[in-house]
PDB file of N, CA and C in Angstrom:
ATOM      1  N   MET A   1      -5.925  -0.683  32.440  1.00  0.00           N
ATOM      2  CA  MET A   1      -6.706  -1.827  32.861  1.00  0.00           C
ATOM      3  C   MET A   1      -5.758  -2.984  33.183  1.00  0.00           C
ATOM      4  N   PHE A   2      -5.965  -3.586  34.327  1.00  0.00           N
ATOM      5  CA  PHE A   2      -5.104  -4.679  34.772  1.00  0.00           C
ATOM      6  C   PHE A   2      -5.860  -6.001  34.710  1.00  0.00           C
ATOM      7  N   ILE A   3      -5.306  -6.971  33.980  1.00  0.00           N
ATOM      8  CA  ILE A   3      -5.962  -8.270  33.865  1.00  0.00           C
ATOM      9  C   ILE A   3      -5.400  -9.190  34.942  1.00  0.00           C
ATOM     10  N   LEU A   4      -6.294  -9.691  35.805  1.00  0.00           N
ATOM     11  CA  LEU A   4      -5.861 -10.559  36.892  1.00  0.00           C
ATOM     12  C   LEU A   4      -5.466 -11.941  36.381  1.00  0.00           C
ATOM     13  N   ASN A   5      -6.278 -12.486  35.509  1.00  0.00           N
ATOM     14  CA  ASN A   5      -5.998 -13.828  34.999  1.00  0.00           C
ATOM     15  C   ASN A   5      -5.603 -13.730  33.532  1.00  0.00           C
ATOM     16  N   ILE A   6      -4.361 -14.041  33.236  1.00  0.00           N
ATOM     17  CA  ILE A   6      -3.846 -13.846  31.873  1.00  0.00           C
ATOM     18  C   ILE A   6      -4.081 -15.065  30.984  1.00  0.00           C
ATOM     19  N   GLU A   7      -4.458 -16.186  31.582  1.00  0.00           N
ATOM     20  CA  GLU A   7      -4.594 -17.424  30.816  1.00  0.00           C
ATOM     21  C   GLU A   7      -5.583 -17.335  29.645  1.00  0.00           C
ATOM     22  N   PRO A   8      -6.797 -16.793  29.828  1.00  0.00           N
ATOM     23  CA  PRO A   8      -7.723 -16.704  28.684  1.00  0.00           C
ATOM     24  C   PRO A   8      -7.171 -15.828  27.562  1.00  0.00           C
ATOM     25  N   VAL A   9      -6.462 -14.777  27.940  1.00  0.00           N
ATOM     26  CA  VAL A   9      -5.879 -13.885  26.942  1.00  0.00           C
ATOM     27  C   VAL A   9      -4.801 -14.620  26.156  1.00  0.00           C
ATOM     28  N   ALA A  10      -3.962 -15.354  26.863  1.00  0.00           N
ATOM     29  CA  ALA A  10      -2.896 -16.114  26.215  1.00  0.00           C
ATOM     30  C   ALA A  10      -3.475 -17.191  25.303  1.00  0.00           C
ATOM     31  N   THR A  11      -4.536 -17.845  25.777  1.00  0.00           N
ATOM     32  CA  THR A  11      -5.179 -18.890  24.979  1.00  0.00           C
ATOM     33  C   THR A  11      -5.757 -18.307  23.698  1.00  0.00           C
ATOM     34  N   ALA A  12      -6.403 -17.160  23.815  1.00  0.00           N
ATOM     35  CA  ALA A  12      -6.988 -16.507  22.645  1.00  0.00           C
ATOM     36  C   ALA A  12      -5.897 -16.103  21.664  1.00  0.00           C
ATOM     37  N   PHE A  13      -4.798 -15.585  22.194  1.00  0.00           N
ATOM     38  CA  PHE A  13      -3.693 -15.155  21.340  1.00  0.00           C
ATOM     39  C   PHE A  13      -3.091 -16.329  20.584  1.00  0.00           C
ATOM     40  N   VAL A  14      -2.872 -17.429  21.292  1.00  0.00           N
ATOM     41  CA  VAL A  14      -2.305 -18.624  20.664  1.00  0.00           C
ATOM     42  C   VAL A  14      -3.268 -19.167  19.609  1.00  0.00           C
ATOM     43  N   GLY A  15      -4.563 -19.118  19.912  1.00  0.00           N
ATOM     44  CA  GLY A  15      -5.568 -19.573  18.952  1.00  0.00           C
ATOM     45  C   GLY A  15      -5.545 -18.745  17.684  1.00  0.00           C
ATOM     46  N   LEU A  16      -5.472 -17.432  17.848  1.00  0.00           N
ATOM     47  CA  LEU A  16      -5.432 -16.537  16.690  1.00  0.00           C
ATOM     48  C   LEU A  16      -4.166 -16.749  15.871  1.00  0.00           C
ATOM     49  N   LEU A  17      -3.059 -16.943  16.570  1.00  0.00           N
ATOM     50  CA  LEU A  17      -1.786 -17.180  15.897  1.00  0.00           C
ATOM     51  C   LEU A  17      -1.848 -18.465  15.072  1.00  0.00           C
ATOM     52  N   ALA A  18      -2.399 -19.523  15.674  1.00  0.00           N
ATOM     53  CA  ALA A  18      -2.515 -20.800  14.973  1.00  0.00           C
ATOM     54  C   ALA A  18      -3.422 -20.662  13.753  1.00  0.00           C
ATOM     55  N   LEU A  19      -4.512 -19.916  13.914  1.00  0.00           N
ATOM     56  CA  LEU A  19      -5.452 -19.712  12.816  1.00  0.00           C
ATOM     57  C   LEU A  19      -4.796 -18.969  11.659  1.00  0.00           C
ATOM     58  N   SER A  20      -4.023 -17.935  11.990  1.00  0.00           N
ATOM     59  CA  SER A  20      -3.372 -17.154  10.935  1.00  0.00           C
ATOM     60  C   SER A  20      -2.299 -17.982  10.226  1.00  0.00           C
ATOM     61  N   LEU A  21      -1.582 -18.802  10.982  1.00  0.00           N
ATOM     62  CA  LEU A  21      -0.577 -19.664  10.362  1.00  0.00           C
ATOM     63  C   LEU A  21      -1.226 -20.686   9.440  1.00  0.00           C
ATOM     64  N   LEU A  22      -2.376 -21.216   9.886  1.00  0.00           N
ATOM     65  CA  LEU A  22      -3.101 -22.184   9.076  1.00  0.00           C
ATOM     66  C   LEU A  22      -3.580 -21.566   7.771  1.00  0.00           C
ATOM     67  N   SER A  23      -4.107 -20.358   7.858  1.00  0.00           N
ATOM     68  CA  SER A  23      -4.612 -19.700   6.651  1.00  0.00           C
ATOM     69  C   SER A  23      -3.465 -19.354   5.702  1.00  0.00           C
ATOM     70  N   LEU A  24      -2.342 -18.952   6.268  1.00  0.00           N
ATOM     71  CA  LEU A  24      -1.168 -18.657   5.444  1.00  0.00           C
ATOM     72  C   LEU A  24      -0.685 -19.917   4.730  1.00  0.00           C
ATOM     73  N   LEU A  25      -0.660 -21.018   5.465  1.00  0.00           N
ATOM     74  CA  LEU A  25      -0.226 -22.288   4.894  1.00  0.00           C
ATOM     75  C   LEU A  25      -1.163 -22.718   3.774  1.00  0.00           C
ATOM     76  N   SER A  26      -2.473 -22.581   3.999  1.00  0.00           N
ATOM     77  CA  SER A  26      -3.426 -22.985   2.968  1.00  0.00           C
ATOM     78  C   SER A  26      -3.295 -22.098   1.736  1.00  0.00           C
ATOM     79  N   LEU A  27      -3.014 -20.814   1.949  1.00  0.00           N
ATOM     80  CA  LEU A  27      -2.814 -19.910   0.815  1.00  0.00           C
ATOM     81  C   LEU A  27      -1.603 -20.336  -0.001  1.00  0.00           C
ATOM     82  N   LEU A  28      -0.527 -20.693   0.695  1.00  0.00           N
ATOM     83  CA  LEU A  28       0.692 -21.104   0.005  1.00  0.00           C
ATOM     84  C   LEU A  28       0.480 -22.403  -0.761  1.00  0.00           C
ATOM     85  N   LEU A  29      -0.304 -23.315  -0.169  1.00  0.00           N
ATOM     86  CA  LEU A  29      -0.528 -24.603  -0.810  1.00  0.00           C
ATOM     87  C   LEU A  29      -1.455 -24.479  -2.011  1.00  0.00           C
ATOM     88  N   MET A  30      -2.463 -23.616  -1.904  1.00  0.00           N
ATOM     89  CA  MET A  30      -3.450 -23.485  -2.970  1.00  0.00           C
ATOM     90  C   MET A  30      -2.967 -22.598  -4.106  1.00  0.00           C
ATOM     91  N   HIS A  31      -1.980 -21.770  -3.838  1.00  0.00           N
ATOM     92  CA  HIS A  31      -1.529 -20.785  -4.819  1.00  0.00           C
ATOM     93  C   HIS A  31      -0.757 -21.467  -5.934  1.00  0.00           C
ATOM     94  N   ASP A  32      -1.304 -21.429  -7.157  1.00  0.00           N
ATOM     95  CA  ASP A  32      -0.483 -21.914  -8.259  1.00  0.00           C
ATOM     96  C   ASP A  32       0.067 -20.688  -8.970  1.00  0.00           C
ATOM     97  N   ALA A  33       1.369 -20.586  -8.968  1.00  0.00           N
ATOM     98  CA  ALA A  33       2.054 -19.349  -9.325  1.00  0.00           C
ATOM     99  C   ALA A  33       1.696 -18.862 -10.721  1.00  0.00           C
ATOM    100  N   ASP A  34       1.524 -19.776 -11.638  1.00  0.00           N
ATOM    101  CA  ASP A  34       1.306 -19.364 -13.022  1.00  0.00           C
ATOM    102  C   ASP A  34      -0.155 -19.060 -13.314  1.00  0.00           C
ATOM    103  N   GLY A  35      -1.063 -19.827 -12.716  1.00  0.00           N
ATOM    104  CA  GLY A  35      -2.475 -19.743 -13.065  1.00  0.00           C
ATOM    105  C   GLY A  35      -3.072 -18.364 -12.925  1.00  0.00           C
ATOM    106  N   LEU A  36      -2.918 -17.773 -11.757  1.00  0.00           N
ATOM    107  CA  LEU A  36      -3.526 -16.478 -11.475  1.00  0.00           C
ATOM    108  C   LEU A  36      -2.905 -15.389 -12.339  1.00  0.00           C
ATOM    109  N   ASP A  37      -1.593 -15.431 -12.442  1.00  0.00           N
ATOM    110  CA  ASP A  37      -0.870 -14.441 -13.234  1.00  0.00           C
ATOM    111  C   ASP A  37      -1.258 -14.519 -14.702  1.00  0.00           C
ATOM    112  N   PHE A  38      -1.387 -15.743 -15.171  1.00  0.00           N
ATOM    113  CA  PHE A  38      -1.729 -15.953 -16.574  1.00  0.00           C
ATOM    114  C   PHE A  38      -3.105 -15.366 -16.879  1.00  0.00           C
ATOM    115  N   ARG A  39      -4.078 -15.613 -16.001  1.00  0.00           N
ATOM    116  CA  ARG A  39      -5.426 -15.075 -16.184  1.00  0.00           C
ATOM    117  C   ARG A  39      -5.391 -13.553 -16.205  1.00  0.00           C
ATOM    118  N   ARG A  40      -4.624 -12.980 -15.295  1.00  0.00           N
ATOM    119  CA  ARG A  40      -4.557 -11.517 -15.191  1.00  0.00           C
ATOM    120  C   ARG A  40      -3.992 -10.914 -16.471  1.00  0.00           C
ATOM    121  N   ARG A  41      -2.924 -11.536 -16.985  1.00  0.00           N
ATOM    122  CA  ARG A  41      -2.321 -11.052 -18.235  1.00  0.00           C
ATOM    123  C   ARG A  41      -3.295 -11.193 -19.393  1.00  0.00           C
ATOM    124  N   GLU A  42      -4.024 -12.308 -19.399  1.00  0.00           N
ATOM    125  CA  GLU A  42      -4.998 -12.574 -20.454  1.00  0.00           C
ATOM    126  C   GLU A  42      -6.094 -11.503 -20.460  1.00  0.00           C
ATOM    127  N   VAL A  43      -6.590 -11.180 -19.283  1.00  0.00           N
ATOM    128  CA  VAL A  43      -7.656 -10.180 -19.155  1.00  0.00           C
ATOM    129  C   VAL A  43      -7.154  -8.808 -19.576  1.00  0.00           C
ATOM    130  N   SER A  44      -5.952  -8.437 -19.141  1.00  0.00           N
ATOM    131  CA  SER A  44      -5.439  -7.109 -19.496  1.00  0.00           C
ATOM    132  C   SER A  44      -5.146  -7.020 -20.996  1.00  0.00           C
ATOM    133  N   ALA A  45      -4.724  -8.116 -21.598  1.00  0.00           N
ATOM    134  CA  ALA A  45      -4.495  -8.119 -23.044  1.00  0.00           C
ATOM    135  C   ALA A  45      -5.813  -7.937 -23.793  1.00  0.00           C
ATOM    136  N   ALA A  46      -6.854  -8.588 -23.312  1.00  0.00           N
ATOM    137  CA  ALA A  46      -8.174  -8.459 -23.943  1.00  0.00           C
ATOM    138  C   ALA A  46      -8.680  -7.022 -23.817  1.00  0.00           C
ATOM    139  N   ARG A  47      -8.427  -6.417 -22.662  1.00  0.00           N
ATOM    140  CA  ARG A  47      -8.851  -5.023 -22.455  1.00  0.00           C
ATOM    141  C   ARG A  47      -8.116  -4.091 -23.415  1.00  0.00           C
ATOM    142  N   ARG A  48      -6.804  -4.335 -23.580  1.00  0.00           N
ATOM    143  CA  ARG A  48      -6.022  -3.496 -24.495  1.00  0.00           C
ATOM    144  C   ARG A  48      -6.546  -3.608 -25.924  1.00  0.00           C
ATOM    145  N   LYS A  49      -6.860  -4.841 -26.329  1.00  0.00           N
ATOM    146  CA  LYS A  49      -7.403  -5.056 -27.674  1.00  0.00           C
ATOM    147  C   LYS A  49      -8.711  -4.292 -27.842  1.00  0.00           C
ATOM    148  N   ALA A  50      -9.559  -4.334 -26.823  1.00  0.00           N
ATOM    149  CA  ALA A  50     -10.852  -3.649 -26.880  1.00  0.00           C
ATOM    150  C   ALA A  50     -10.651  -2.140 -26.969  1.00  0.00           C
ATOM    151  N   MET A  51      -9.668  -1.629 -26.225  1.00  0.00           N
ATOM    152  CA  MET A  51      -9.399  -0.185 -26.243  1.00  0.00           C
ATOM    153  C   MET A  51      -8.901   0.250 -27.626  1.00  0.00           C
ATOM    154  N   VAL A  52      -8.017  -0.556 -28.212  1.00  0.00           N
ATOM    155  CA  VAL A  52      -7.471  -0.237 -29.531  1.00  0.00           C
ATOM    156  C   VAL A  52      -8.585  -0.290 -30.580  1.00  0.00           C
ATOM    157  N   ALA A  53      -9.460  -1.280 -30.465  1.00  0.00           N
ATOM    158  CA  ALA A  53     -10.552  -1.425 -31.427  1.00  0.00           C
ATOM    159  C   ALA A  53     -11.547  -0.271 -31.306  1.00  0.00           C
ATOM    160  N   ALA A  54     -11.715   0.256 -30.096  1.00  0.00           N
ATOM    161  CA  ALA A  54     -12.687   1.328 -29.856  1.00  0.00           C
ATOM    162  C   ALA A  54     -12.220   2.656 -30.456  1.00  0.00           C
ATOM    163  N   HIS A  55     -10.909   2.818 -30.599  1.00  0.00           N
ATOM    164  CA  HIS A  55     -10.406   4.124 -31.070  1.00  0.00           C
ATOM    165  C   HIS A  55     -10.259   4.189 -32.560  1.00  0.00           C
TER     166      HIS A  55
END
């Protein structure tokens, strides 16, 4: 398939690229390195305790 007018395609591509960069930036800004990890460790520790108590 041959596209005669490439401008809309280029515009869409640039738009998608900008959107993905924006979402990546927001993820980096919102990510607090310790918070999520700490919760995950806390949950897995609670699960281990429950497993030990069950046996």
